[in-house]
Protein backbone atom coordinates (compact mmCIF):
# COMPACT_ATOMS: atom_id res chain seq x y z
CA MET A 1 -48.79 -2.58 -32.17
CA GLU A 2 -49.05 -4.72 -35.39
CA ASN A 3 -51.20 -7.74 -35.31
CA LYS A 4 -49.29 -10.57 -37.25
CA LYS A 5 -51.11 -13.66 -38.47
CA LYS A 6 -49.39 -16.91 -37.68
CA GLU A 7 -48.53 -18.78 -40.65
CA PRO A 8 -49.81 -22.27 -41.05
CA TYR A 9 -47.38 -25.22 -40.27
CA ASP A 10 -45.98 -26.17 -43.44
CA LEU A 11 -43.87 -29.49 -43.41
CA GLU A 12 -42.37 -28.82 -46.72
CA GLU A 13 -40.96 -25.85 -45.81
CA ARG A 14 -39.73 -27.22 -42.51
CA THR A 15 -37.92 -30.00 -44.17
CA PHE A 16 -36.40 -27.53 -46.67
CA ASN A 17 -35.14 -25.35 -44.08
CA PHE A 18 -33.61 -28.42 -42.07
CA ALA A 19 -31.61 -29.47 -45.21
CA ARG A 20 -30.63 -25.91 -45.88
CA ASP A 21 -29.40 -25.52 -42.33
CA VAL A 22 -27.43 -28.90 -42.44
CA ARG A 23 -25.53 -27.55 -45.47
CA THR A 24 -24.69 -24.02 -43.81
CA PHE A 25 -23.62 -26.10 -40.80
CA VAL A 26 -21.45 -28.59 -42.43
CA LYS A 27 -19.42 -25.50 -44.33
CA LYS A 28 -18.15 -24.53 -40.84
CA LEU A 29 -16.79 -28.03 -39.91
CA PRO A 30 -13.16 -28.76 -39.69
CA ARG A 31 -11.87 -30.73 -42.60
CA THR A 32 -11.13 -33.93 -41.20
CA THR A 33 -10.92 -37.06 -43.10
CA ALA A 34 -14.10 -38.38 -41.12
CA ASN A 35 -16.06 -35.14 -41.48
CA ILE A 36 -15.41 -35.03 -45.23
CA GLU A 37 -17.13 -38.46 -45.66
CA ASP A 38 -19.99 -37.74 -42.99
CA ILE A 39 -20.72 -34.50 -44.84
CA LYS A 40 -21.46 -36.37 -47.91
CA GLN A 41 -23.75 -38.66 -46.18
CA VAL A 42 -25.84 -36.11 -44.22
CA ALA A 43 -26.15 -33.90 -47.33
CA ARG A 44 -27.82 -36.66 -49.15
CA SER A 45 -30.01 -37.82 -46.09
CA SER A 46 -31.09 -34.33 -44.88
CA GLY A 47 -32.27 -33.46 -48.58
CA SER A 48 -33.95 -36.83 -48.99
CA ILE A 49 -36.24 -36.04 -46.12
CA GLY A 50 -38.02 -33.08 -47.96
CA ALA A 51 -37.72 -34.85 -51.56
CA ASN A 52 -39.65 -37.78 -50.26
CA TYR A 53 -42.44 -35.85 -48.37
CA ILE A 54 -43.01 -33.86 -51.44
CA GLU A 55 -43.30 -37.06 -53.59
CA ALA A 56 -45.80 -38.42 -51.03
CA GLN A 57 -47.89 -35.52 -51.40
CA GLU A 58 -48.21 -36.58 -55.34
CA TYR A 59 -50.88 -38.95 -54.28
CA THR A 60 -50.49 -42.37 -56.22
CA GLY A 61 -52.31 -44.26 -53.29
CA THR A 62 -52.12 -44.94 -49.79
CA LYS A 63 -49.51 -47.38 -49.90
CA ASP A 64 -46.90 -45.20 -51.75
CA ARG A 65 -47.69 -42.29 -49.50
CA ILE A 66 -46.92 -44.62 -46.60
CA HIS A 67 -43.64 -45.76 -48.20
CA ARG A 68 -42.46 -42.33 -48.86
CA MET A 69 -43.31 -41.05 -45.33
CA ARG A 70 -41.45 -44.01 -43.93
CA ILE A 71 -38.52 -43.06 -46.36
CA SER A 72 -38.70 -39.66 -44.66
CA ARG A 73 -38.61 -41.06 -41.35
CA LYS A 74 -35.74 -43.17 -42.29
CA GLU A 75 -33.80 -40.23 -43.68
CA SER A 76 -34.66 -38.31 -40.38
CA LYS A 77 -33.05 -41.01 -38.34
CA GLU A 78 -30.03 -41.26 -40.61
CA SER A 79 -29.37 -37.62 -40.52
CA ARG A 80 -29.47 -37.38 -36.77
CA PHE A 81 -26.92 -40.31 -36.79
CA TRP A 82 -24.55 -38.60 -39.08
CA LEU A 83 -24.96 -35.01 -37.16
CA ARG A 84 -23.99 -36.89 -34.00
CA LEU A 85 -20.63 -38.21 -35.50
CA PHE A 86 -19.19 -34.92 -36.68
CA ASP A 87 -16.01 -33.76 -35.13
CA THR A 88 -16.66 -30.02 -34.16
CA GLY A 89 -13.09 -29.45 -33.00
CA GLU A 90 -14.17 -28.41 -29.39
CA ASN A 91 -16.15 -25.57 -31.10
CA THR A 92 -18.86 -24.70 -28.55
CA GLU A 93 -20.84 -22.72 -31.27
CA LEU A 94 -20.68 -25.67 -33.48
CA ASP A 95 -21.68 -28.11 -30.85
CA THR A 96 -24.60 -25.99 -29.96
CA GLU A 97 -25.70 -25.84 -33.73
CA ARG A 98 -25.24 -29.51 -34.03
CA LYS A 99 -27.55 -30.11 -30.98
CA ARG A 100 -30.17 -28.09 -32.51
CA LEU A 101 -29.98 -30.06 -35.80
CA VAL A 102 -29.92 -33.24 -34.13
CA GLN A 103 -33.18 -32.15 -32.16
CA GLU A 104 -34.77 -31.04 -35.42
CA ALA A 105 -33.95 -34.33 -36.96
CA ASN A 106 -35.48 -36.12 -34.09
CA GLU A 107 -38.56 -34.05 -34.36
CA LEU A 108 -39.00 -34.67 -37.87
CA MET A 109 -38.58 -38.42 -37.41
CA LEU A 110 -41.32 -38.35 -34.74
CA ILE A 111 -43.66 -36.22 -37.03
CA PHE A 112 -43.11 -38.55 -39.88
CA GLY A 113 -43.59 -41.61 -37.55
CA ALA A 114 -46.99 -40.12 -36.38
CA ILE A 115 -48.01 -39.62 -39.83
CA VAL A 116 -47.28 -43.25 -40.90
CA ARG A 117 -49.30 -44.47 -38.00
CA LYS A 118 -52.12 -42.08 -38.83
CA LEU A 119 -52.07 -43.41 -42.58
CA GLU A 120 -51.87 -47.23 -41.62
């Protein structure tokens, strides 16, 4: 029996995985006019979560760090919104994946909200 050490929690990696998973998900969606427009929006917002988190780690002061964390929280909310709008064409697998991504966006939003409260 192999003893595996649990990896430390890495928010940068988690936000990267979320953005990557969103991109994988949208490739499977039906190409409706609405989906095409919403895909552009969710691609931007999902990637922005991690990008702003990374910028927040480049310490330039508490106010800037709080500002970047708030942007990550806002982009998490926005990603959740766009994900909920997608037309999955009655595909239950896509619906399940969408719900998982919506849940992850919600969890990221709560994490960044907690970080902001702690920093303030």
